[in-house]
Amino acid sequence: MMRFLALFFVLAIIVPESARAQSLGNLAQYPPVKKKLTITTADDGMPMLIPQLLSLQSGRYYRLTISCPDVRDDLRGWRVEMAGLLNNAHLRLVTVGDIEIHLQGLSFNAIECDEIGAAHVSFVPIKPGTYELYVGNVPLAVGRPIGESGVQTDGKFVFGRVVVE
């Protein structure tokens, strides 16, 4: 009888707490909130990021358009990395031109803008926090291997931030 009462007491504490736990949102709720990130090139060759701060809410579905309207060629393009955000989000869709890549929570390292155009990333941020957004030279432009990730400190770069509340 004593074990039964102890089990009942434990369940009485645990069950109400877990019953209150809720998802932060429907991971497929349509339509997504549209956000835009534009990367242009300043006269001195530095990347300019507009806006430099993106504010998002955890549990909301977003479609981020990353636009590169003035890229000149493969070596003067820009690489966009936001690993912290992507590692703490549920990815749904990546679109480049008319090509759609449907994802189920997988991740990727970067988007490289080496031609004029835009890419779209649809996702739900899961974990609140402040995440770094890096925009810099494509690795090949600074003598690094194609596809290498991380900050290219030999080149030109800028940091933005994504704040998820």
C-alpha atoms as a PDB file:
ATOM      1  CA  MET A   1       0.000   0.000   0.000  1.00  0.00           C
ATOM      2  CA  MET A   2       2.857   2.363   0.812  1.00  0.00           C
ATOM      3  CA  ARG A   3       4.409   1.831  -2.667  1.00  0.00           C
ATOM      4  CA  PHE A   4       1.048   2.579  -4.272  1.00  0.00           C
ATOM      5  CA  LEU A   5       0.740   5.863  -2.360  1.00  0.00           C
ATOM      6  CA  ALA A   6       4.311   6.833  -3.276  1.00  0.00           C
ATOM      7  CA  LEU A   7       3.628   6.080  -6.959  1.00  0.00           C
ATOM      8  CA  PHE A   8       0.365   8.028  -6.807  1.00  0.00           C
ATOM      9  CA  PHE A   9       2.145  11.004  -5.226  1.00  0.00           C
ATOM     10  CA  VAL A  10       4.884  11.005  -7.899  1.00  0.00           C
ATOM     11  CA  LEU A  11       2.340  10.783 -10.731  1.00  0.00           C
ATOM     12  CA  ALA A  12       0.244  13.544  -9.180  1.00  0.00           C
ATOM     13  CA  ILE A  13       3.263  15.860  -9.385  1.00  0.00           C
ATOM     14  CA  ILE A  14       4.650  14.794 -12.789  1.00  0.00           C
ATOM     15  CA  VAL A  15       1.480  14.427 -14.871  1.00  0.00           C
ATOM     16  CA  PRO A  16       0.064  17.933 -14.332  1.00  0.00           C
ATOM     17  CA  GLU A  17       3.475  19.460 -15.208  1.00  0.00           C
ATOM     18  CA  SER A  18       3.781  17.483 -18.436  1.00  0.00           C
ATOM     19  CA  ALA A  19       0.152  18.158 -19.306  1.00  0.00           C
ATOM     20  CA  ARG A  20       0.962  21.876 -19.295  1.00  0.00           C
ATOM     21  CA  ALA A  21       3.868  21.452 -21.734  1.00  0.00           C
ATOM     22  CA  GLN A  22       2.832  22.688 -25.151  1.00  0.00           C
ATOM     23  CA  SER A  23       4.380  22.955 -28.559  1.00  0.00           C
ATOM     24  CA  LEU A  24       5.473  26.465 -29.471  1.00  0.00           C
ATOM     25  CA  GLY A  25       3.585  26.208 -32.743  1.00  0.00           C
ATOM     26  CA  ASN A  26       2.417  24.152 -35.657  1.00  0.00           C
ATOM     27  CA  LEU A  27       5.574  23.346 -37.598  1.00  0.00           C
ATOM     28  CA  ALA A  28       3.618  23.319 -40.868  1.00  0.00           C
ATOM     29  CA  GLN A  29       1.245  26.227 -40.289  1.00  0.00           C
ATOM     30  CA  TYR A  30       0.726  28.132 -43.526  1.00  0.00           C
ATOM     31  CA  PRO A  31       1.283  30.862 -44.605  1.00  0.00           C
ATOM     32  CA  PRO A  32       4.775  31.613 -43.335  1.00  0.00           C
ATOM     33  CA  VAL A  33       5.690  35.072 -42.057  1.00  0.00           C
ATOM     34  CA  LYS A  34       7.849  36.671 -44.754  1.00  0.00           C
ATOM     35  CA  LYS A  35      11.234  38.147 -43.846  1.00  0.00           C
ATOM     36  CA  LYS A  36      13.851  39.555 -46.222  1.00  0.00           C
ATOM     37  CA  LEU A  37      17.622  39.772 -46.024  1.00  0.00           C
ATOM     38  CA  THR A  38      19.419  41.732 -48.762  1.00  0.00           C
ATOM     39  CA  ILE A  39      23.160  41.536 -49.346  1.00  0.00           C
ATOM     40  CA  THR A  40      24.728  44.215 -51.519  1.00  0.00           C
ATOM     41  CA  THR A  41      28.311  45.297 -52.156  1.00  0.00           C
ATOM     42  CA  ALA A  42      29.570  48.681 -50.925  1.00  0.00           C
ATOM     43  CA  ASP A  43      31.928  50.844 -53.001  1.00  0.00           C
ATOM     44  CA  ASP A  44      34.873  49.558 -50.930  1.00  0.00           C
ATOM     45  CA  GLY A  45      33.919  45.940 -51.732  1.00  0.00           C
ATOM     46  CA  MET A  46      32.526  45.145 -48.267  1.00  0.00           C
ATOM     47  CA  PRO A  47      29.230  43.289 -47.957  1.00  0.00           C
ATOM     48  CA  MET A  48      26.275  45.303 -46.700  1.00  0.00           C
ATOM     49  CA  LEU A  49      23.540  43.432 -44.868  1.00  0.00           C
ATOM     50  CA  ILE A  50      20.035  44.893 -44.712  1.00  0.00           C
ATOM     51  CA  PRO A  51      18.725  44.490 -42.063  1.00  0.00           C
ATOM     52  CA  GLN A  52      21.591  43.660 -39.730  1.00  0.00           C
ATOM     53  CA  LEU A  53      19.168  42.365 -37.112  1.00  0.00           C
ATOM     54  CA  LEU A  54      16.320  39.918 -37.704  1.00  0.00           C
ATOM     55  CA  SER A  55      13.797  39.443 -34.899  1.00  0.00           C
ATOM     56  CA  LEU A  56      11.852  36.173 -34.866  1.00  0.00           C
ATOM     57  CA  GLN A  57       9.559  34.306 -32.485  1.00  0.00           C
ATOM     58  CA  SER A  58      10.104  30.674 -31.604  1.00  0.00           C
ATOM     59  CA  GLY A  59       7.352  28.426 -32.877  1.00  0.00           C
ATOM     60  CA  ARG A  60       6.353  30.682 -35.801  1.00  0.00           C
ATOM     61  CA  TYR A  61       6.749  29.610 -39.405  1.00  0.00           C
ATOM     62  CA  TYR A  62       8.989  31.940 -41.483  1.00  0.00           C
ATOM     63  CA  ARG A  63      10.070  32.260 -45.090  1.00  0.00           C
ATOM     64  CA  LEU A  64      13.374  34.122 -45.263  1.00  0.00           C
ATOM     65  CA  THR A  65      14.291  35.513 -48.669  1.00  0.00           C
ATOM     66  CA  ILE A  66      18.037  36.047 -49.071  1.00  0.00           C
ATOM     67  CA  SER A  67      18.550  38.405 -51.996  1.00  0.00           C
ATOM     68  CA  CYS A  68      21.845  39.238 -53.719  1.00  0.00           C
ATOM     69  CA  PRO A  69      20.991  41.893 -56.331  1.00  0.00           C
ATOM     70  CA  ASP A  70      24.468  43.076 -57.354  1.00  0.00           C
ATOM     71  CA  VAL A  71      26.786  40.035 -57.362  1.00  0.00           C
ATOM     72  CA  ARG A  72      29.276  40.249 -60.241  1.00  0.00           C
ATOM     73  CA  ASP A  73      30.787  36.768 -60.560  1.00  0.00           C
ATOM     74  CA  ASP A  74      31.839  33.597 -58.750  1.00  0.00           C
ATOM     75  CA  LEU A  75      34.811  35.207 -57.002  1.00  0.00           C
ATOM     76  CA  ARG A  76      33.002  38.355 -55.895  1.00  0.00           C
ATOM     77  CA  GLY A  77      29.939  36.628 -54.507  1.00  0.00           C
ATOM     78  CA  TRP A  78      28.899  36.276 -50.894  1.00  0.00           C
ATOM     79  CA  ARG A  79      28.579  33.315 -48.558  1.00  0.00           C
ATOM     80  CA  VAL A  80      25.828  33.421 -45.926  1.00  0.00           C
ATOM     81  CA  GLU A  81      26.171  31.236 -42.829  1.00  0.00           C
ATOM     82  CA  MET A  82      23.740  31.035 -39.931  1.00  0.00           C
ATOM     83  CA  ALA A  83      24.656  27.707 -38.343  1.00  0.00           C
ATOM     84  CA  GLY A  84      23.456  28.596 -34.846  1.00  0.00           C
ATOM     85  CA  LEU A  85      19.979  29.458 -36.070  1.00  0.00           C
ATOM     86  CA  LEU A  86      19.740  26.498 -38.443  1.00  0.00           C
ATOM     87  CA  ASN A  87      20.855  24.085 -35.722  1.00  0.00           C
ATOM     88  CA  ASN A  88      18.008  25.360 -33.544  1.00  0.00           C
ATOM     89  CA  ALA A  89      15.234  25.433 -36.125  1.00  0.00           C
ATOM     90  CA  HIS A  90      13.006  22.998 -37.949  1.00  0.00           C
ATOM     91  CA  LEU A  91      13.744  23.433 -41.655  1.00  0.00           C
ATOM     92  CA  ARG A  92      10.893  22.867 -44.097  1.00  0.00           C
ATOM     93  CA  LEU A  93      11.886  24.127 -47.544  1.00  0.00           C
ATOM     94  CA  VAL A  94      14.789  25.696 -49.447  1.00  0.00           C
ATOM     95  CA  THR A  95      14.001  27.277 -52.802  1.00  0.00           C
ATOM     96  CA  VAL A  96      16.525  28.517 -55.351  1.00  0.00           C
ATOM     97  CA  GLY A  97      14.938  29.819 -58.539  1.00  0.00           C
ATOM     98  CA  ASP A  98      12.210  27.351 -59.427  1.00  0.00           C
ATOM     99  CA  ILE A  99      13.882  24.446 -57.639  1.00  0.00           C
ATOM    100  CA  GLU A 100      12.360  23.448 -54.294  1.00  0.00           C
ATOM    101  CA  ILE A 101      14.168  21.240 -51.790  1.00  0.00           C
ATOM    102  CA  HIS A 102      11.700  19.870 -49.244  1.00  0.00           C
ATOM    103  CA  LEU A 103      13.347  19.136 -45.903  1.00  0.00           C
ATOM    104  CA  GLN A 104      12.242  17.506 -42.705  1.00  0.00           C
ATOM    105  CA  GLY A 105      14.524  19.068 -40.126  1.00  0.00           C
ATOM    106  CA  LEU A 106      17.810  18.493 -41.945  1.00  0.00           C
ATOM    107  CA  SER A 107      20.371  21.265 -42.009  1.00  0.00           C
ATOM    108  CA  PHE A 108      22.836  22.818 -44.421  1.00  0.00           C
ATOM    109  CA  ASN A 109      25.953  24.921 -43.942  1.00  0.00           C
ATOM    110  CA  ALA A 110      25.588  27.969 -46.144  1.00  0.00           C
ATOM    111  CA  ILE A 111      24.087  29.705 -49.127  1.00  0.00           C
ATOM    112  CA  GLU A 112      26.503  31.180 -51.655  1.00  0.00           C
ATOM    113  CA  CYS A 113      25.370  34.016 -53.864  1.00  0.00           C
ATOM    114  CA  ASP A 114      27.648  33.870 -56.901  1.00  0.00           C
ATOM    115  CA  GLU A 115      24.974  35.082 -59.324  1.00  0.00           C
ATOM    116  CA  ILE A 116      22.327  37.764 -59.058  1.00  0.00           C
ATOM    117  CA  GLY A 117      19.234  36.212 -57.533  1.00  0.00           C
ATOM    118  CA  ALA A 118      17.537  35.041 -54.370  1.00  0.00           C
ATOM    119  CA  ALA A 119      17.065  31.939 -52.267  1.00  0.00           C
ATOM    120  CA  HIS A 120      14.237  31.234 -49.839  1.00  0.00           C
ATOM    121  CA  VAL A 121      14.519  29.276 -46.604  1.00  0.00           C
ATOM    122  CA  SER A 122      11.313  28.233 -44.820  1.00  0.00           C
ATOM    123  CA  PHE A 123      11.757  27.237 -41.186  1.00  0.00           C
ATOM    124  CA  VAL A 124      10.435  27.359 -37.642  1.00  0.00           C
ATOM    125  CA  PRO A 125      12.896  28.608 -34.985  1.00  0.00           C
ATOM    126  CA  ILE A 126      12.664  26.236 -32.033  1.00  0.00           C
ATOM    127  CA  LYS A 127      15.071  27.557 -29.407  1.00  0.00           C
ATOM    128  CA  PRO A 128      15.127  31.196 -28.254  1.00  0.00           C
ATOM    129  CA  GLY A 129      18.500  32.935 -28.324  1.00  0.00           C
ATOM    130  CA  THR A 130      20.740  35.315 -30.243  1.00  0.00           C
ATOM    131  CA  TYR A 131      22.420  33.781 -33.287  1.00  0.00           C
ATOM    132  CA  GLU A 132      25.259  35.106 -35.418  1.00  0.00           C
ATOM    133  CA  LEU A 133      24.694  35.600 -39.139  1.00  0.00           C
ATOM    134  CA  TYR A 134      27.911  35.755 -41.169  1.00  0.00           C
ATOM    135  CA  VAL A 135      28.224  37.191 -44.680  1.00  0.00           C
ATOM    136  CA  GLY A 136      31.640  37.084 -46.317  1.00  0.00           C
ATOM    137  CA  ASN A 137      33.634  36.203 -49.387  1.00  0.00           C
ATOM    138  CA  VAL A 138      33.087  32.804 -50.929  1.00  0.00           C
ATOM    139  CA  PRO A 139      36.037  30.618 -49.824  1.00  0.00           C
ATOM    140  CA  LEU A 140      37.557  30.348 -53.317  1.00  0.00           C
ATOM    141  CA  ALA A 141      37.873  34.143 -53.493  1.00  0.00           C
ATOM    142  CA  VAL A 142      40.328  34.110 -50.582  1.00  0.00           C
ATOM    143  CA  GLY A 143      42.273  31.028 -51.649  1.00  0.00           C
ATOM    144  CA  ARG A 144      40.339  28.547 -49.510  1.00  0.00           C
ATOM    145  CA  PRO A 145      38.771  25.275 -50.698  1.00  0.00           C
ATOM    146  CA  ILE A 146      35.319  25.466 -52.284  1.00  0.00           C
ATOM    147  CA  GLY A 147      32.616  24.856 -49.696  1.00  0.00           C
ATOM    148  CA  GLU A 148      34.792  25.443 -46.645  1.00  0.00           C
ATOM    149  CA  SER A 149      32.676  26.697 -43.784  1.00  0.00           C
ATOM    150  CA  GLY A 150      33.432  29.325 -41.178  1.00  0.00           C
ATOM    151  CA  VAL A 151      34.525  32.923 -41.137  1.00  0.00           C
ATOM    152  CA  GLN A 152      36.946  33.800 -43.950  1.00  0.00           C
ATOM    153  CA  THR A 153      39.088  36.281 -41.987  1.00  0.00           C
ATOM    154  CA  ASP A 154      41.366  36.911 -44.980  1.00  0.00           C
ATOM    155  CA  GLY A 155      38.465  38.398 -46.908  1.00  0.00           C
ATOM    156  CA  LYS A 156      35.736  40.944 -46.456  1.00  0.00           C
ATOM    157  CA  PHE A 157      32.884  40.091 -44.135  1.00  0.00           C
ATOM    158  CA  VAL A 158      30.191  41.439 -41.864  1.00  0.00           C
ATOM    159  CA  PHE A 159      28.138  39.967 -39.039  1.00  0.00           C
ATOM    160  CA  GLY A 160      24.450  40.347 -38.441  1.00  0.00           C
ATOM    161  CA  ARG A 161      22.284  38.881 -35.713  1.00  0.00           C
ATOM    162  CA  VAL A 162      19.115  36.866 -35.514  1.00  0.00           C
ATOM    163  CA  VAL A 163      17.239  37.177 -32.233  1.00  0.00           C
ATOM    164  CA  VAL A 164      14.652  34.505 -31.473  1.00  0.00           C
ATOM    165  CA  GLU A 165      12.318  35.217 -28.574  1.00  0.00           C
END
